[in-house]
Amino acid sequence: MTADESFGRLDDDDYPAYTMGRAADMLGTTQGFLRAIGEHRLITPLRSTGGHRRYSRYQLRIAARARELVDQGTPIEAACRIIALEDQLEEAQRINAAYRRSEGPNTVAT
């Protein structure tokens, strides 16, 4: 891997750069919390060659949202489900927006 390829990963939100301990520190939570949201399939960390969990920035943002909900009193199972539904809604809205753009201004409503 070249230096340019390594530096390119600095901007990659999906690159699993953070260990479980570092991720927990950054989120101000415990490693057990990260394991719990993994058990509920909210995030699936990648594994290093030694089998250690590694988290991406994208996964840390999801975990931070889960922590926010749990801190507000939402049970962890419900928080994971809420986030999954929010993600599905966002994807549906993206698809609808793309569909509306592809229809163009010459489309006649029926």
C-alpha atoms as a PDB file:
ATOM      1  CA  MET A   1       0.000   0.000   0.000  1.00  0.00           C
ATOM      2  CA  THR A   2       1.383   3.398  -0.940  1.00  0.00           C
ATOM      3  CA  ALA A   3       1.408   6.472   1.281  1.00  0.00           C
ATOM      4  CA  ASP A   4      -1.232   8.062  -0.973  1.00  0.00           C
ATOM      5  CA  GLU A   5      -3.520   5.051  -0.481  1.00  0.00           C
ATOM      6  CA  SER A   6      -3.015   5.198   3.286  1.00  0.00           C
ATOM      7  CA  PHE A   7      -3.797   8.911   3.443  1.00  0.00           C
ATOM      8  CA  GLY A   8      -6.896   8.336   1.304  1.00  0.00           C
ATOM      9  CA  ARG A   9      -8.317   6.179   4.082  1.00  0.00           C
ATOM     10  CA  LEU A  10      -8.309   9.153   6.439  1.00  0.00           C
ATOM     11  CA  ASP A  11     -11.406  10.437   4.643  1.00  0.00           C
ATOM     12  CA  ASP A  12     -13.092   7.025   4.349  1.00  0.00           C
ATOM     13  CA  ASP A  13     -16.095   6.885   6.727  1.00  0.00           C
ATOM     14  CA  ASP A  14     -16.273   3.110   6.295  1.00  0.00           C
ATOM     15  CA  TYR A  15     -12.645   2.320   7.126  1.00  0.00           C
ATOM     16  CA  PRO A  16     -12.529   0.361  10.429  1.00  0.00           C
ATOM     17  CA  ALA A  17      -9.920   2.522  12.139  1.00  0.00           C
ATOM     18  CA  TYR A  18     -11.016   2.432  15.778  1.00  0.00           C
ATOM     19  CA  THR A  19     -10.535  -0.306  18.340  1.00  0.00           C
ATOM     20  CA  MET A  20     -13.360  -1.109  20.707  1.00  0.00           C
ATOM     21  CA  GLY A  21     -11.606   0.670  23.581  1.00  0.00           C
ATOM     22  CA  ARG A  22     -10.957   3.796  21.539  1.00  0.00           C
ATOM     23  CA  ALA A  23     -14.524   3.789  20.168  1.00  0.00           C
ATOM     24  CA  ALA A  24     -15.968   3.502  23.677  1.00  0.00           C
ATOM     25  CA  ASP A  25     -13.732   6.351  24.881  1.00  0.00           C
ATOM     26  CA  MET A  26     -14.753   8.572  21.981  1.00  0.00           C
ATOM     27  CA  LEU A  27     -18.447   7.927  22.641  1.00  0.00           C
ATOM     28  CA  GLY A  28     -18.142   8.201  26.405  1.00  0.00           C
ATOM     29  CA  THR A  29     -19.676   4.784  26.842  1.00  0.00           C
ATOM     30  CA  THR A  30     -18.596   1.276  27.772  1.00  0.00           C
ATOM     31  CA  GLN A  31     -17.343  -1.552  25.640  1.00  0.00           C
ATOM     32  CA  GLY A  32     -20.356  -3.512  26.872  1.00  0.00           C
ATOM     33  CA  PHE A  33     -22.646  -0.945  25.243  1.00  0.00           C
ATOM     34  CA  LEU A  34     -20.859  -1.449  21.915  1.00  0.00           C
ATOM     35  CA  ARG A  35     -21.185  -5.221  22.305  1.00  0.00           C
ATOM     36  CA  ALA A  36     -24.905  -4.839  23.098  1.00  0.00           C
ATOM     37  CA  ILE A  37     -25.707  -2.800  19.996  1.00  0.00           C
ATOM     38  CA  GLY A  38     -23.701  -5.339  18.016  1.00  0.00           C
ATOM     39  CA  GLU A  39     -25.783  -8.167  19.493  1.00  0.00           C
ATOM     40  CA  HIS A  40     -28.910  -6.290  18.393  1.00  0.00           C
ATOM     41  CA  ARG A  41     -27.373  -6.063  14.906  1.00  0.00           C
ATOM     42  CA  LEU A  42     -27.402  -2.290  14.808  1.00  0.00           C
ATOM     43  CA  ILE A  43     -23.753  -2.283  13.774  1.00  0.00           C
ATOM     44  CA  THR A  44     -21.423  -5.116  12.837  1.00  0.00           C
ATOM     45  CA  PRO A  45     -17.822  -4.174  13.484  1.00  0.00           C
ATOM     46  CA  LEU A  46     -15.160  -5.614  11.258  1.00  0.00           C
ATOM     47  CA  ARG A  47     -12.558  -7.852  12.848  1.00  0.00           C
ATOM     48  CA  SER A  48      -8.806  -7.419  12.744  1.00  0.00           C
ATOM     49  CA  THR A  49      -6.637 -10.379  11.792  1.00  0.00           C
ATOM     50  CA  GLY A  50      -6.336 -11.041  15.531  1.00  0.00           C
ATOM     51  CA  GLY A  51     -10.143 -11.093  15.923  1.00  0.00           C
ATOM     52  CA  HIS A  52     -10.483  -7.698  17.619  1.00  0.00           C
ATOM     53  CA  ARG A  53     -13.472  -5.491  16.816  1.00  0.00           C
ATOM     54  CA  ARG A  54     -12.771  -2.437  14.660  1.00  0.00           C
ATOM     55  CA  TYR A  55     -15.238   0.407  14.124  1.00  0.00           C
ATOM     56  CA  SER A  56     -15.587   2.960  11.356  1.00  0.00           C
ATOM     57  CA  ARG A  57     -16.573   6.598  11.757  1.00  0.00           C
ATOM     58  CA  TYR A  58     -19.938   5.760  10.201  1.00  0.00           C
ATOM     59  CA  GLN A  59     -20.512   3.060  12.820  1.00  0.00           C
ATOM     60  CA  LEU A  60     -19.487   5.463  15.582  1.00  0.00           C
ATOM     61  CA  ARG A  61     -22.133   7.946  14.415  1.00  0.00           C
ATOM     62  CA  ILE A  62     -24.774   5.212  14.598  1.00  0.00           C
ATOM     63  CA  ALA A  63     -23.542   4.165  18.037  1.00  0.00           C
ATOM     64  CA  ALA A  64     -23.649   7.801  19.191  1.00  0.00           C
ATOM     65  CA  ARG A  65     -27.292   8.031  18.091  1.00  0.00           C
ATOM     66  CA  ALA A  66     -28.064   4.834  20.006  1.00  0.00           C
ATOM     67  CA  ARG A  67     -26.371   6.221  23.091  1.00  0.00           C
ATOM     68  CA  GLU A  68     -28.388   9.430  22.774  1.00  0.00           C
ATOM     69  CA  LEU A  69     -31.655   7.459  22.755  1.00  0.00           C
ATOM     70  CA  VAL A  70     -30.581   5.203  25.618  1.00  0.00           C
ATOM     71  CA  ASP A  71     -29.499   8.235  27.654  1.00  0.00           C
ATOM     72  CA  GLN A  72     -33.043   9.608  27.151  1.00  0.00           C
ATOM     73  CA  GLY A  73     -34.462   6.444  28.718  1.00  0.00           C
ATOM     74  CA  THR A  74     -35.169   4.344  25.632  1.00  0.00           C
ATOM     75  CA  PRO A  75     -34.417   0.629  26.132  1.00  0.00           C
ATOM     76  CA  ILE A  76     -31.463  -0.488  24.021  1.00  0.00           C
ATOM     77  CA  GLU A  77     -33.592  -2.899  21.943  1.00  0.00           C
ATOM     78  CA  ALA A  78     -36.038  -0.109  21.102  1.00  0.00           C
ATOM     79  CA  ALA A  79     -33.217   2.337  20.359  1.00  0.00           C
ATOM     80  CA  CYS A  80     -31.708  -0.092  17.866  1.00  0.00           C
ATOM     81  CA  ARG A  81     -35.079  -0.588  16.181  1.00  0.00           C
ATOM     82  CA  ILE A  82     -35.736   3.174  16.034  1.00  0.00           C
ATOM     83  CA  ILE A  83     -32.384   3.777  14.361  1.00  0.00           C
ATOM     84  CA  ALA A  84     -32.997   0.987  11.851  1.00  0.00           C
ATOM     85  CA  LEU A  85     -36.394   2.505  10.996  1.00  0.00           C
ATOM     86  CA  GLU A  86     -34.872   5.988  10.699  1.00  0.00           C
ATOM     87  CA  ASP A  87     -32.317   4.568   8.267  1.00  0.00           C
ATOM     88  CA  GLN A  88     -35.044   2.862   6.212  1.00  0.00           C
ATOM     89  CA  LEU A  89     -37.045   6.088   6.089  1.00  0.00           C
ATOM     90  CA  GLU A  90     -34.021   8.089   4.964  1.00  0.00           C
ATOM     91  CA  GLU A  91     -33.311   5.569   2.200  1.00  0.00           C
ATOM     92  CA  ALA A  92     -36.948   5.648   1.024  1.00  0.00           C
ATOM     93  CA  GLN A  93     -36.863   9.441   0.948  1.00  0.00           C
ATOM     94  CA  ARG A  94     -33.651   9.347  -1.115  1.00  0.00           C
ATOM     95  CA  ILE A  95     -35.234   6.922  -3.581  1.00  0.00           C
ATOM     96  CA  ASN A  96     -38.403   9.041  -3.848  1.00  0.00           C
ATOM     97  CA  ALA A  97     -36.371  12.199  -4.464  1.00  0.00           C
ATOM     98  CA  ALA A  98     -34.369  10.458  -7.195  1.00  0.00           C
ATOM     99  CA  TYR A  99     -37.576   9.169  -8.755  1.00  0.00           C
ATOM    100  CA  ARG A 100     -39.135  12.653  -8.750  1.00  0.00           C
ATOM    101  CA  ARG A 101     -36.006  14.104 -10.363  1.00  0.00           C
ATOM    102  CA  SER A 102     -36.050  11.424 -13.077  1.00  0.00           C
ATOM    103  CA  GLU A 103     -39.685  12.231 -13.954  1.00  0.00           C
ATOM    104  CA  GLY A 104     -38.674  15.721 -15.013  1.00  0.00           C
ATOM    105  CA  PRO A 105     -40.850  18.800 -15.566  1.00  0.00           C
ATOM    106  CA  ASN A 106     -42.691  17.354 -18.625  1.00  0.00           C
ATOM    107  CA  THR A 107     -44.470  14.627 -16.668  1.00  0.00           C
ATOM    108  CA  VAL A 108     -48.234  14.976 -16.452  1.00  0.00           C
ATOM    109  CA  ALA A 109     -49.900  13.933 -13.219  1.00  0.00           C
ATOM    110  CA  THR A 110     -52.884  11.591 -13.565  1.00  0.00           C
END
